[in-house]
Protein backbone atom coordinates (compact mmCIF):
# COMPACT_ATOMS: atom_id res chain seq x y z
CA UNK A 1 115.94 83.32 35.84
CA UNK A 2 112.88 85.86 35.73
CA UNK A 3 112.50 85.54 39.54
CA UNK A 4 115.93 86.44 39.96
CA UNK A 5 115.85 89.70 37.58
CA UNK A 6 112.67 90.66 39.28
CA UNK A 7 114.42 90.78 42.78
CA UNK A 8 117.23 93.11 41.17
CA UNK A 9 114.62 95.29 39.94
CA UNK A 10 113.10 95.50 43.05
CA UNK A 11 116.50 96.22 44.84
CA UNK A 12 117.04 99.00 42.31
CA UNK A 13 113.62 100.49 43.01
CA UNK A 14 114.24 100.37 46.83
CA UNK A 15 117.43 102.37 46.55
CA UNK A 16 115.06 105.66 45.73
CA UNK A 17 112.61 104.57 48.60
CA UNK A 18 115.03 103.83 51.33
CA UNK A 19 116.90 107.06 50.50
CA UNK A 20 113.66 108.86 50.65
CA UNK A 21 113.30 107.57 54.39
CA UNK A 22 116.82 109.19 55.19
CA UNK A 23 118.47 105.71 55.16
CA UNK A 24 121.48 105.63 53.05
CA UNK A 25 123.24 103.07 51.20
CA UNK A 26 124.57 100.19 53.17
CA UNK A 27 128.18 99.38 53.31
CA UNK A 28 127.39 96.38 51.16
CA UNK A 29 126.52 96.77 47.63
CA UNK A 30 123.96 94.15 46.97
CA UNK A 31 121.60 92.32 49.61
CA UNK A 32 123.60 89.78 51.52
CA UNK A 33 121.29 86.70 51.11
CA UNK A 34 117.79 85.59 49.68
CA UNK A 35 115.68 83.75 52.08
CA UNK A 36 113.03 81.28 51.07
CA UNK A 37 109.96 80.70 53.43
CA UNK A 38 106.93 78.85 52.95
CA UNK A 39 103.65 80.66 53.55
CA UNK A 40 101.96 80.27 56.77
CA UNK A 41 105.09 78.81 58.70
CA UNK A 42 107.30 80.09 61.58
CA UNK A 43 110.21 81.87 60.23
CA UNK A 44 112.89 84.17 61.51
CA UNK A 45 115.37 86.93 60.42
CA UNK A 46 118.81 87.41 61.97
CA UNK A 47 120.41 90.76 61.74
CA UNK A 48 123.98 89.81 61.14
CA UNK A 49 125.84 93.20 61.58
CA UNK A 50 129.44 92.61 61.36
CA UNK A 51 131.45 92.78 64.83
CA UNK A 52 133.83 95.91 64.67
CA UNK A 53 137.11 94.12 65.08
CA UNK A 54 135.95 91.85 62.09
CA UNK A 55 134.54 94.81 59.68
CA UNK A 56 137.69 95.40 57.77
CA UNK A 57 138.38 91.66 57.01
CA UNK A 58 135.11 90.33 56.36
CA UNK A 59 133.58 93.41 54.28
CA UNK A 60 136.45 95.43 53.26
CA UNK A 61 136.03 94.34 49.64
CA UNK A 62 132.50 95.23 49.72
CA UNK A 63 132.87 98.85 50.56
CA UNK A 64 131.66 101.65 48.54
CA UNK A 65 134.54 102.81 46.21
CA UNK A 66 134.28 106.12 47.74
CA UNK A 67 135.39 104.90 51.10
CA UNK A 68 138.77 103.86 52.33
CA UNK A 69 139.54 100.38 53.42
CA UNK A 70 140.37 101.93 57.01
CA UNK A 71 136.49 102.94 57.14
CA UNK A 72 134.72 100.91 59.72
CA UNK A 73 130.98 101.56 59.16
CA UNK A 74 129.83 99.64 62.56
CA UNK A 75 133.13 100.39 64.28
CA UNK A 76 131.66 102.63 67.18
CA UNK A 77 128.30 101.02 67.70
CA UNK A 78 127.85 100.39 71.15
CA UNK A 79 124.85 97.58 71.06
CA UNK A 80 124.38 95.61 67.85
CA UNK A 81 121.77 93.77 69.58
CA UNK A 82 119.39 96.74 69.44
CA UNK A 83 118.26 97.18 66.01
CA UNK A 84 115.49 98.93 63.74
CA UNK A 85 113.84 96.84 61.04
CA UNK A 86 112.61 98.50 57.55
CA UNK A 87 110.63 96.53 54.90
CA UNK A 88 110.63 97.23 51.42
CA UNK A 89 107.41 95.62 50.11
CA UNK A 90 107.92 93.55 46.54
CA UNK A 91 105.04 95.63 45.13
CA UNK A 92 107.02 98.81 45.40
CA UNK A 93 105.51 100.59 47.99
CA UNK A 94 107.91 102.98 50.21
CA UNK A 95 109.87 101.34 52.81
CA UNK A 96 108.60 101.36 56.25
CA UNK A 97 109.96 100.79 59.67
CA UNK A 98 108.58 97.50 61.40
CA UNK A 99 107.43 98.52 64.93
CA UNK A 100 106.26 96.44 67.88
CA UNK A 101 102.68 96.64 66.73
CA UNK A 102 103.34 94.55 63.34
CA UNK A 103 100.72 91.83 63.11
CA UNK A 104 102.35 88.30 63.48
CA UNK A 105 105.74 89.79 64.06
CA UNK A 106 107.77 90.07 67.09
CA UNK A 107 111.20 91.70 67.50
CA UNK A 108 113.66 90.23 69.94
CA UNK A 109 116.73 91.91 70.25
CA UNK A 110 118.59 91.69 66.60
CA UNK A 111 115.82 88.71 65.51
CA UNK A 112 112.70 89.45 63.61
CA UNK A 113 110.31 86.53 64.59
CA UNK A 114 107.32 85.65 62.15
CA UNK A 115 104.89 83.57 64.11
CA UNK A 116 103.27 82.92 60.55
CA UNK A 117 104.41 84.15 57.34
CA UNK A 118 102.30 85.66 54.58
CA UNK A 119 102.40 86.93 50.98
CA UNK A 120 102.57 90.52 52.55
CA UNK A 121 105.84 89.61 54.37
CA UNK A 122 107.79 89.19 51.21
CA UNK A 123 110.21 92.08 50.38
CA UNK A 124 113.44 93.65 51.13
CA UNK A 125 114.55 93.91 54.87
CA UNK A 126 117.04 96.41 56.10
CA UNK A 127 118.47 96.20 59.85
CA UNK A 128 120.78 98.81 61.32
CA UNK A 129 121.65 99.66 65.07
CA UNK A 130 119.19 101.83 66.91
CA UNK A 131 121.76 103.84 68.56
CA UNK A 132 124.30 105.07 66.28
CA UNK A 133 126.73 107.97 65.30
CA UNK A 134 126.31 110.10 62.25
CA UNK A 135 129.25 108.43 60.67
CA UNK A 136 127.38 104.96 60.99
CA UNK A 137 124.52 105.44 58.72
CA UNK A 138 126.19 103.18 56.32
CA UNK A 139 126.15 100.21 59.08
CA UNK A 140 123.28 98.23 57.97
CA UNK A 141 122.39 94.89 56.46
CA UNK A 142 120.01 94.06 53.47
CA UNK A 143 118.39 90.87 52.90
CA UNK A 144 115.59 89.45 50.70
CA UNK A 145 112.72 87.38 51.92
CA UNK A 146 110.65 85.03 49.40
CA UNK A 147 107.27 83.57 50.63
CA UNK A 148 106.01 80.71 48.61
CA UNK A 149 102.57 79.28 48.80
CA UNK A 150 102.13 75.84 50.50
CA UNK A 151 100.90 73.39 48.39
CA UNK A 152 97.28 72.79 48.17
CA UNK A 153 96.94 75.01 51.17
CA UNK A 154 95.84 78.71 51.85
CA UNK A 155 98.54 81.31 53.72
CA UNK A 156 95.81 81.62 56.42
CA UNK A 157 96.52 78.05 57.33
CA UNK A 158 99.17 78.11 60.17
CA UNK A 159 101.78 75.28 59.71
CA UNK A 160 103.86 74.76 63.12
CA UNK A 161 107.12 72.42 63.11
CA UNK A 162 107.34 70.88 66.29
CA UNK A 163 109.49 67.87 67.43
CA UNK A 164 109.44 66.07 70.80
CA UNK A 165 112.65 64.50 72.52
CA UNK A 166 112.19 62.12 75.36
CA UNK A 167 114.35 62.87 78.29
CA UNK A 168 117.14 60.43 79.05
CA UNK A 169 116.81 58.80 75.54
CA UNK A 170 118.80 58.89 72.20
CA UNK A 171 117.03 61.30 69.51
CA UNK A 172 117.44 63.50 66.48
CA UNK A 173 116.34 66.90 65.38
CA UNK A 174 115.48 67.23 61.95
CA UNK A 175 115.17 70.36 59.30
CA UNK A 176 111.85 70.59 57.98
CA UNK A 177 111.81 69.93 54.19
CA UNK A 178 114.99 67.73 54.72
CA UNK A 179 113.73 65.11 56.86
CA UNK A 180 113.04 62.21 54.52
CA UNK A 181 116.45 62.52 52.33
CA UNK A 182 119.04 60.26 52.67
CA UNK A 183 122.52 61.62 53.75
CA UNK A 184 123.79 61.52 50.29
CA UNK A 185 121.09 63.71 49.19
CA UNK A 186 121.02 66.01 52.28
CA UNK A 187 122.95 69.59 51.34
CA UNK A 188 125.14 71.16 54.13
CA UNK A 189 122.86 72.98 56.91
CA UNK A 190 123.50 75.67 59.41
CA UNK A 191 121.74 75.24 62.49
CA UNK A 192 120.87 77.93 65.27
CA UNK A 193 119.62 77.16 68.59
CA UNK A 194 117.65 79.87 70.11
CA UNK A 195 119.43 82.48 67.98
CA UNK A 196 122.90 81.17 68.72
CA UNK A 197 125.01 79.80 65.90
CA UNK A 198 125.82 75.90 66.45
CA UNK A 199 129.09 76.05 64.55
CA UNK A 200 129.75 72.27 65.03
CA UNK A 201 126.46 70.98 63.62
CA UNK A 202 126.57 71.09 59.75
CA UNK A 203 124.43 68.31 58.76
CA UNK A 204 120.91 66.89 58.96
CA UNK A 205 119.62 65.49 61.37
CA UNK A 206 121.20 66.72 64.61
CA UNK A 207 122.02 63.51 66.43
CA UNK A 208 121.44 63.79 70.23
CA UNK A 209 122.99 60.73 72.26
CA UNK A 210 121.12 61.69 75.54
CA UNK A 211 118.14 64.40 75.55
CA UNK A 212 118.53 66.76 78.50
CA UNK A 213 116.29 69.85 79.51
CA UNK A 214 118.89 72.12 77.65
CA UNK A 215 118.07 70.60 74.27
CA UNK A 216 114.55 72.31 74.35
CA UNK A 217 114.22 75.52 72.45
CA UNK A 218 113.66 76.96 69.09
CA UNK A 219 115.74 75.67 66.37
CA UNK A 220 116.71 77.22 62.84
CA UNK A 221 118.27 75.56 60.17
CA UNK A 222 119.33 77.03 56.74
CA UNK A 223 120.32 75.16 53.66
CA UNK A 224 121.10 76.67 49.82
CA UNK A 225 119.30 75.56 46.89
CA UNK A 226 119.99 76.37 43.42
CA UNK A 227 118.75 76.75 39.77
CA UNK A 228 120.43 77.32 36.45
CA UNK A 229 121.04 81.06 37.41
CA UNK A 230 120.58 81.78 40.93
CA UNK A 231 120.61 80.41 44.33
CA UNK A 232 118.65 81.21 47.64
CA UNK A 233 118.86 80.13 51.43
CA UNK A 234 115.85 77.97 52.65
CA UNK A 235 115.20 78.49 56.19
CA UNK A 236 112.88 76.60 58.64
CA UNK A 237 112.15 76.80 62.07
CA UNK A 238 111.33 73.92 64.47
CA UNK A 239 110.18 73.98 67.87
CA UNK A 240 112.00 71.37 70.00
CA UNK A 241 110.45 70.35 73.34
CA UNK A 242 111.62 67.91 75.90
CA UNK A 243 109.30 65.43 77.48
CA UNK A 244 108.70 62.62 79.76
CA UNK A 245 106.86 59.30 79.10
CA UNK A 246 103.09 59.55 78.84
CA UNK A 247 101.37 58.57 82.01
CA UNK A 248 99.58 55.35 82.40
CA UNK A 249 97.54 56.69 85.40
CA UNK A 250 94.16 57.98 85.51
CA UNK A 251 93.77 61.75 86.77
CA UNK A 252 94.03 62.32 90.49
CA UNK A 253 91.36 64.28 92.17
CA UNK A 254 92.91 66.65 94.95
CA UNK A 255 89.64 68.53 95.75
CA UNK A 256 87.14 67.81 96.91
CA UNK A 257 88.57 64.90 99.53
CA UNK A 258 85.61 64.76 101.67
CA UNK A 259 82.17 63.38 101.08
CA UNK A 260 80.34 65.78 103.04
CA UNK A 261 80.44 69.42 103.56
CA UNK A 262 78.47 71.50 106.07
CA UNK A 263 76.92 74.57 104.71
CA UNK A 264 74.51 77.34 105.66
CA UNK A 265 71.17 78.10 104.03
CA UNK A 266 70.94 80.86 102.23
CA UNK A 267 74.42 81.60 101.85
CA UNK A 268 76.64 81.58 98.57
CA UNK A 269 78.93 78.55 98.14
CA UNK A 270 82.08 77.71 95.84
CA UNK A 271 82.95 74.19 95.11
CA UNK A 272 86.15 73.52 93.50
CA UNK A 273 87.09 70.54 91.19
CA UNK A 274 90.85 70.19 91.42
CA UNK A 275 92.58 67.28 89.52
CA UNK A 276 96.12 66.59 88.48
CA UNK A 277 96.63 64.97 85.25
CA UNK A 278 99.93 62.98 84.27
CA UNK A 279 101.71 64.06 80.96
CA UNK A 280 100.55 63.10 77.44
CA UNK A 281 101.87 63.97 74.16
CA UNK A 282 98.17 64.39 72.97
CA UNK A 283 96.93 66.23 75.94
CA UNK A 284 93.08 66.78 76.34
CA UNK A 285 92.17 66.85 79.71
CA UNK A 286 88.45 66.64 80.72
CA UNK A 287 87.06 68.19 84.01
CA UNK A 288 83.45 68.72 84.62
CA UNK A 289 80.85 69.16 87.50
CA UNK A 290 77.56 66.99 87.59
CA UNK A 291 74.59 66.97 89.62
CA UNK A 292 72.90 63.69 90.64
CA UNK A 293 69.28 64.01 92.03
CA UNK A 294 67.47 60.79 92.48
CA UNK A 295 67.80 58.72 89.32
CA UNK A 296 68.68 61.78 86.90
CA UNK A 297 72.15 63.41 86.17
CA UNK A 298 73.23 66.42 84.44
CA UNK A 299 76.24 68.42 83.82
CA UNK A 300 76.42 71.75 85.59
CA UNK A 301 77.29 74.84 83.15
CA UNK A 302 80.24 76.37 84.94
CA UNK A 303 83.34 78.54 83.76
CA UNK A 304 86.00 76.99 81.50
CA UNK A 305 88.75 74.88 83.63
CA UNK A 306 91.91 76.75 84.45
CA UNK A 307 95.66 75.38 84.95
CA UNK A 308 96.78 76.26 88.38
CA UNK A 309 100.16 74.34 88.43
CA UNK A 310 102.20 72.88 85.32
CA UNK A 311 105.33 70.94 85.59
CA UNK A 312 107.01 68.60 83.24
CA UNK A 313 105.38 65.60 84.40
CA UNK A 314 101.97 66.80 85.27
CA UNK A 315 99.66 69.58 85.24
CA UNK A 316 96.95 70.86 87.92
CA UNK A 317 93.57 71.90 86.56
CA UNK A 318 90.66 73.37 88.32
CA UNK A 319 87.06 73.91 87.67
CA UNK A 320 84.99 75.73 89.97
CA UNK A 321 80.82 75.84 90.49
CA UNK A 322 79.34 78.67 92.09
CA UNK A 323 75.92 78.69 93.87
CA UNK A 324 74.50 82.05 94.47
CA UNK A 325 72.44 80.53 97.37
CA UNK A 326 72.27 77.24 99.10
CA UNK A 327 68.78 75.91 99.23
CA UNK A 328 66.88 72.91 100.90
CA UNK A 329 66.86 71.35 97.49
CA UNK A 330 70.48 71.26 97.21
CA UNK A 331 70.97 69.15 100.39
CA UNK A 332 69.22 66.36 98.65
CA UNK A 333 71.90 66.41 95.46
CA UNK A 334 75.01 64.99 95.18
CA UNK A 335 77.78 67.21 93.45
CA UNK A 336 80.10 65.22 91.14
CA UNK A 337 83.85 66.23 90.56
CA UNK A 338 84.81 64.35 87.24
CA UNK A 339 88.10 64.16 85.52
CA UNK A 340 89.17 62.01 82.48
CA UNK A 341 92.40 61.55 80.20
CA UNK A 342 92.97 59.12 77.75
CA UNK A 343 93.83 56.34 80.38
CA UNK A 344 90.37 56.62 82.20
CA UNK A 345 88.22 58.86 84.45
CA UNK A 346 88.12 59.69 88.08
CA UNK A 347 85.09 60.97 90.12
CA UNK A 348 84.47 62.32 93.68
CA UNK A 349 80.93 62.92 94.93
CA UNK A 350 80.22 65.34 97.67
CA UNK A 351 76.96 65.72 99.71
CA UNK A 352 75.99 69.20 101.28
CA UNK A 353 74.77 68.94 104.68
CA UNK A 354 73.08 71.56 106.80
CA UNK A 355 75.40 72.97 109.57
CA UNK A 356 73.66 72.74 112.93
CA UNK A 357 76.61 73.01 115.46
CA UNK A 358 76.68 76.67 115.61
CA UNK A 359 74.30 77.19 118.61
CA UNK A 360 76.27 74.25 120.40
CA UNK A 361 79.51 76.13 119.47
CA UNK A 362 78.15 79.22 120.98
CA UNK A 363 77.33 77.22 124.40
CA UNK A 364 80.49 75.47 124.37
CA UNK A 365 82.42 78.76 123.73
CA UNK A 366 80.74 80.50 126.32
CA UNK A 367 81.20 77.67 128.86
CA UNK A 368 84.83 77.64 127.94
CA UNK A 369 85.19 81.23 128.65
CA UNK A 370 83.52 81.27 131.84
CA UNK A 371 85.37 78.36 133.07
CA UNK A 372 88.83 80.41 131.97
CA UNK A 373 87.36 83.42 133.71
CA UNK A 374 86.42 81.24 137.12
CA UNK A 375 90.27 79.62 136.96
CA UNK A 376 91.70 82.86 136.37
CA UNK A 377 89.63 84.62 139.32
CA UNK A 378 90.57 81.46 141.46
CA UNK A 379 94.48 81.84 140.53
CA UNK A 380 94.05 85.70 141.47
CA UNK A 381 92.28 84.79 144.57
CA UNK A 382 95.06 82.33 145.55
CA UNK A 383 97.85 84.69 144.97
CA UNK A 384 96.54 87.38 146.53
CA UNK A 385 94.12 85.85 149.37
CA UNK A 386 96.17 87.53 152.11
CA UNK A 387 95.64 90.98 150.44
CA UNK A 388 92.08 90.39 149.72
CA UNK A 389 91.41 89.33 153.59
CA UNK A 390 93.34 92.23 155.05
CA UNK A 391 91.34 94.53 152.89
CA UNK A 392 87.88 92.96 153.82
CA UNK A 393 89.15 93.23 157.56
CA UNK A 394 89.95 96.87 157.01
CA UNK A 395 86.34 97.98 155.98
CA UNK A 396 83.98 95.05 157.08
CA UNK A 397 85.34 92.97 159.94
CA UNK A 398 84.45 93.61 163.67
CA UNK A 399 87.45 94.54 166.26
CA UNK A 400 88.00 91.04 167.63
CA UNK A 401 89.94 92.79 170.71
CA UNK A 402 86.79 94.08 172.17
CA UNK A 403 85.94 92.86 175.56
CA UNK A 404 88.70 90.05 175.68
CA UNK A 405 90.25 91.91 178.47
CA UNK A 406 94.02 91.28 177.01
CA UNK A 407 96.48 93.92 177.27
CA UNK A 408 99.08 93.03 174.30
CA UNK A 409 98.16 92.20 170.78
CA UNK A 410 101.28 90.00 170.44
CA UNK A 411 104.23 88.70 172.69
CA UNK A 412 107.56 88.80 170.96
CA UNK A 413 110.24 86.07 171.59
CA UNK A 414 113.51 85.82 170.49
CA UNK A 415 117.06 84.74 171.52
CA UNK A 416 118.46 87.03 174.24
CA UNK A 417 122.20 86.21 173.22
CA UNK A 418 123.44 85.18 169.87
CA UNK A 419 127.06 84.22 169.79
CA UNK A 420 126.85 83.64 166.30
CA UNK A 421 125.00 86.40 165.35
CA UNK A 422 127.32 87.37 162.36
CA UNK A 423 126.48 83.96 160.87
CA UNK A 424 122.77 84.20 160.98
CA UNK A 425 122.56 87.57 158.86
CA UNK A 426 125.11 89.44 157.17
CA UNK A 427 123.45 92.78 158.23
CA UNK A 428 120.54 92.03 160.81
CA UNK A 429 120.15 90.23 163.90
CA UNK A 430 117.30 88.63 165.62
CA UNK A 431 117.41 91.38 168.24
CA UNK A 432 117.22 94.31 165.48
CA UNK A 433 113.91 92.24 164.16
CA UNK A 434 112.44 91.97 167.49
CA UNK A 435 113.41 95.44 169.06
CA UNK A 436 113.56 97.49 166.10
CA UNK A 437 111.47 96.49 163.16
CA UNK A 438 108.75 94.73 164.40
CA UNK A 439 107.60 97.58 166.58
CA UNK A 440 108.46 100.10 164.04
CA UNK A 441 106.03 98.43 161.53
CA UNK A 442 103.18 96.67 163.57
CA UNK A 443 102.92 99.45 166.43
CA UNK A 444 103.87 102.78 164.54
CA UNK A 445 102.29 101.78 161.18
CA UNK A 446 99.40 99.52 161.90
CA UNK A 447 98.53 100.50 165.65
CA UNK A 448 99.13 97.13 167.27
CA UNK A 449 100.64 96.72 170.96
CA UNK A 450 103.46 94.47 171.31
CA UNK A 451 105.00 92.94 174.49
CA UNK A 452 108.80 93.10 174.47
CA UNK A 453 110.28 91.42 177.84
CA UNK A 454 113.09 94.07 177.99
CA UNK A 455 110.59 96.91 177.51
CA UNK A 456 107.43 96.01 179.19
CA UNK A 457 108.02 93.72 181.90
CA UNK A 458 109.45 94.93 185.13
CA UNK A 459 113.01 93.60 186.25
CA UNK A 460 113.32 91.53 189.48
CA UNK A 461 110.57 89.02 188.97
CA UNK A 462 110.50 85.33 188.54
CA UNK A 463 111.36 84.80 184.80
CA UNK A 464 109.08 81.70 184.53
CA UNK A 465 106.20 83.54 186.23
CA UNK A 466 106.50 86.67 184.12
CA UNK A 467 106.66 84.70 180.81
CA UNK A 468 103.53 82.67 181.48
CA UNK A 469 101.97 86.15 182.71
CA UNK A 470 102.44 88.37 179.44
CA UNK A 471 101.54 85.34 177.16
CA UNK A 472 98.15 85.22 178.90
CA UNK A 473 97.82 88.70 178.39
CA UNK A 474 98.45 88.47 174.84
CA UNK A 475 96.30 87.60 171.91
CA UNK A 476 99.37 86.60 169.75
CA UNK A 477 102.65 85.24 170.11
CA UNK A 478 105.57 85.71 167.56
CA UNK A 479 108.68 83.72 168.10
CA UNK A 480 112.04 84.11 165.90
CA UNK A 481 113.28 80.83 165.35
CA UNK A 482 116.81 80.53 164.79
CA UNK A 483 119.57 77.75 165.61
CA UNK A 484 120.03 79.71 168.86
CA UNK A 485 116.65 80.03 169.66
CA UNK A 486 115.88 76.41 169.54
CA UNK A 487 118.97 75.32 171.22
CA UNK A 488 118.67 77.91 173.86
CA UNK A 489 116.83 78.59 176.99
CA UNK A 490 114.39 80.83 175.06
CA UNK A 491 112.96 77.74 173.70
CA UNK A 492 110.85 77.68 177.29
CA UNK A 493 109.07 80.84 176.11
CA UNK A 494 107.55 78.62 172.99
CA UNK A 495 107.05 75.50 175.13
CA UNK A 496 104.98 77.72 177.59
CA UNK A 497 102.98 79.51 174.88
CA UNK A 498 102.03 75.86 173.25
CA UNK A 499 100.84 74.57 176.49
CA UNK A 500 98.65 77.84 177.36
CA UNK A 501 97.47 77.93 173.54
CA UNK A 502 95.93 74.49 174.29
CA UNK A 503 93.86 76.05 177.15
CA UNK A 504 93.11 79.39 175.34
CA UNK A 505 91.55 79.18 172.02
CA UNK A 506 92.12 83.09 171.40
CA UNK A 507 95.56 82.69 171.89
CA UNK A 508 97.33 81.94 168.46
CA UNK A 509 101.18 81.58 167.74
CA UNK A 510 102.96 82.81 164.72
CA UNK A 511 106.56 81.37 163.93
CA UNK A 512 109.26 83.72 162.10
CA UNK A 513 111.84 81.21 160.55
CA UNK A 514 114.64 83.80 160.84
CA UNK A 515 117.39 81.30 159.71
CA UNK A 516 117.56 77.43 158.89
CA UNK A 517 118.01 75.38 162.06
CA UNK A 518 118.40 71.74 162.83
CA UNK A 519 116.06 70.55 165.83
CA UNK A 520 118.01 69.35 168.69
CA UNK A 521 117.41 65.78 170.39
CA UNK A 522 116.49 67.79 173.58
CA UNK A 523 113.62 69.50 171.90
CA UNK A 524 110.27 68.89 173.83
CA UNK A 525 107.99 66.48 172.11
CA UNK A 526 105.17 69.10 172.30
CA UNK A 527 107.27 71.91 170.70
CA UNK A 528 108.32 69.54 167.96
CA UNK A 529 104.74 69.13 166.99
CA UNK A 530 104.02 72.75 167.07
CA UNK A 531 106.73 73.43 164.86
CA UNK A 532 105.10 71.13 162.10
CA UNK A 533 101.41 72.57 162.57
CA UNK A 534 101.82 76.48 163.45
CA UNK A 535 101.88 79.04 160.85
CA UNK A 536 105.42 79.82 159.73
CA UNK A 537 106.66 83.07 157.99
CA UNK A 538 110.18 82.97 156.36
CA UNK A 539 112.64 86.04 157.04
CA UNK A 540 114.44 86.74 153.73
CA UNK A 541 117.08 89.15 154.90
CA UNK A 542 116.92 92.56 153.32
CA UNK A 543 114.43 91.67 150.83
CA UNK A 544 111.68 91.41 153.89
CA UNK A 545 112.62 94.92 155.47
CA UNK A 546 110.43 97.19 153.42
CA UNK A 547 106.80 97.68 154.94
CA UNK A 548 105.27 96.74 151.66
CA UNK A 549 107.12 93.34 151.50
CA UNK A 550 105.47 90.08 151.31
CA UNK A 551 106.74 89.15 154.81
CA UNK A 552 104.68 91.91 156.71
CA UNK A 553 101.68 91.00 154.63
CA UNK A 554 101.74 87.66 155.92
CA UNK A 555 102.67 88.90 159.41
CA UNK A 556 99.44 91.30 159.37
CA UNK A 557 97.22 88.19 158.20
CA UNK A 558 97.92 86.55 161.26
CA UNK A 559 97.58 89.23 163.60
CA UNK A 560 94.12 90.06 165.54
CA UNK A 561 91.50 92.03 163.41
CA UNK A 562 91.24 95.51 165.15
CA UNK A 563 88.87 98.44 164.37
CA UNK A 564 89.92 101.00 161.76
CA UNK A 565 88.91 103.86 163.84
CA UNK A 566 87.93 105.51 160.58
CA UNK A 567 89.43 105.53 157.36
CA UNK A 568 93.01 106.68 157.67
CA UNK A 569 95.89 106.67 155.32
CA UNK A 570 97.48 103.85 156.78
CA UNK A 571 94.45 101.55 155.71
CA UNK A 572 93.94 103.04 152.37
CA UNK A 573 97.54 102.36 151.40
CA UNK A 574 96.64 98.73 151.15
CA UNK A 575 95.21 99.19 147.64
CA UNK A 576 98.45 100.59 146.00
CA UNK A 577 100.22 98.19 147.98
CA UNK A 578 98.46 95.08 146.61
CA UNK A 579 98.95 96.00 142.97
CA UNK A 580 102.58 96.86 143.51
CA UNK A 581 103.21 93.77 145.33
CA UNK A 582 104.11 91.72 142.13
CA UNK A 583 106.88 94.26 141.59
CA UNK A 584 108.65 94.38 145.07
CA UNK A 585 108.33 90.37 144.58
C-alpha cells in the first residue's frame, strides 16, 4: 500500500517537472500501467500509442474534461513508430529525454530495450511521436517501471534468460518466473515475439508442435500480480534460439592441408590454422599453434582466433601465426595446428622446406620462351618463305641469266582455241591471261622477257620445229592448264618441254592450273608424271589479277633470278607488299 502511494506521489511531482520540459499533459489522466522488472535482467517497454481510428473508442472516457469526445490527440500523427522517450526518475530529478547514447538502453522504433536493468532505470516513462502537429502535444503515454533487486545478487550481475529449441522437435517456451508453476496456478499471460503481439497465446508455456527457424527471436511475457491494494504487470524477456543437435564429430582442419610448404629464407611468412567446429550448445572451441623441435614442444603466442564463417550447423575459426623472417632453424621445426572440442582434438603438422626450384624455373621459362620464339619464327618463315626468298634475290643473289646464251626468260603456252571459254572463267580467258596479264606484270613491272608464239615467232615455219627452238632459247616454260589444253593439240608444247628439260637442267617448267580438268586417257605417260612433280600455281580468277596477289608472288618465285640493275621502285615495293599480303588474302 505504501509503495503504491509512493508512486502516486511521484506522479504528482512529475507533473510539474514534465511541464517544465514543455511536455504537456497526456490525454490519459493517470499512468496506463505499472511494470515490475528484476535488477540485472533484460527488459523492454513498448510505446502503445493509440491508432487514430481507435482513439475515440478506447480512450474517450479518459480524455481531459476540457476536451470534447470528438478530439483525437493522435489523429494526425503520420508515424507512431518513431517516438521520443522521457524518464522521470523516482528520486524526483527533472524529466530528461532518453537519447541513443544512454548506457545499456537501445531505442528500436517504438521499443525501449534495456540490455540490463538497474535501480537507476526505475521511474516514470513517457513516450510520444517525434513528428507531430501542435494540436497533438497531448498524444503521449505514461508508464511506471519498478526495478526490484535479485535475491542474493547485486544489480551489476547480469541475468539473461535464454531457451534453446531443437529444430524439427516438439518444445515449449516458458515465461521466466512462471516456469515451475502448474497450469492451475499460472495466471493469464500476454506474449510478444520480436515486438509483435501474439494474440492467440494467452497461457504459459507456449506449446510448439514442431520447431522451425521462425520460432527464433525475442519473446516478452506479461502477467499481472496484485496485493491487497494495488496491482502491477510483471514483464520478463526470454531470448529463444533454434538449434540443431550437438555434433558427434571432432573438428575438421581445413588449412593447412599439406605436410610441407616451400619457403624462401629471409622472407616473412604467414601460416593459417583454420578449423570447422560442429554445433554444440556449450560451445567452447580451442584452436592453437604448437612448435615441435626435437623432443620439445611448446605453444606459439599468436593473436586470438577469429570466426570467419558461422552457420546454424557449424562455425569456421581461424588462427594465424606470423613469422617476421624465415630462418634456417625454422626448417628443422614442425608447426602443428591444433583444434579441439568436447568430442576430441585434431592436429595437422607442417614442415617448412627451402625453395630450391627458382633457378631451374627461370631456366625452364627461358627455354620455353626461346622454343616458342623459334616456333613462331619458323611459322613466319613457312608462311612468307617465298616473299623472303624474293627479298633476298633483290639485294643479294647474282643474275643467273648472265652467260647462258638464252634469249627469253620464259616461254608461254596456252590453248590456242577455247570453244568452252565461257565455262572456264566468268570474265577472263586463258588467252587474256597469256597475252595480256602475264606480259603486263612480268615484263612491264619486273623486267622479264616472255616468248609468245603469236608475237615473237615469225609465221610460215614448221610448228613443231618452231616450238622446240623457242623452248631451247627460254629459261622457263609457263604452261596454262585447262580442259582445252590437256585434251587439245597444245599439249604437244608441254610434252616437248618435258623432254627438253630432261636434257637441259637450266630449263625449268611452271604449271598454272587455270581451271580443273580430268586427265584424258590419251595423255602421254611422261606428261602424266610431269603433272604430278612439276611446281603448280593455281589461278583463282579475279582474286589473282592484282599484281600484289599471292599468285604473282608464286610465279616470280619460280622465275629466274635477274640483276636488279640498281635499286628501283619496283624492287623496293616488295617490302610493303609483304606486310600487306595478309590483308589481300
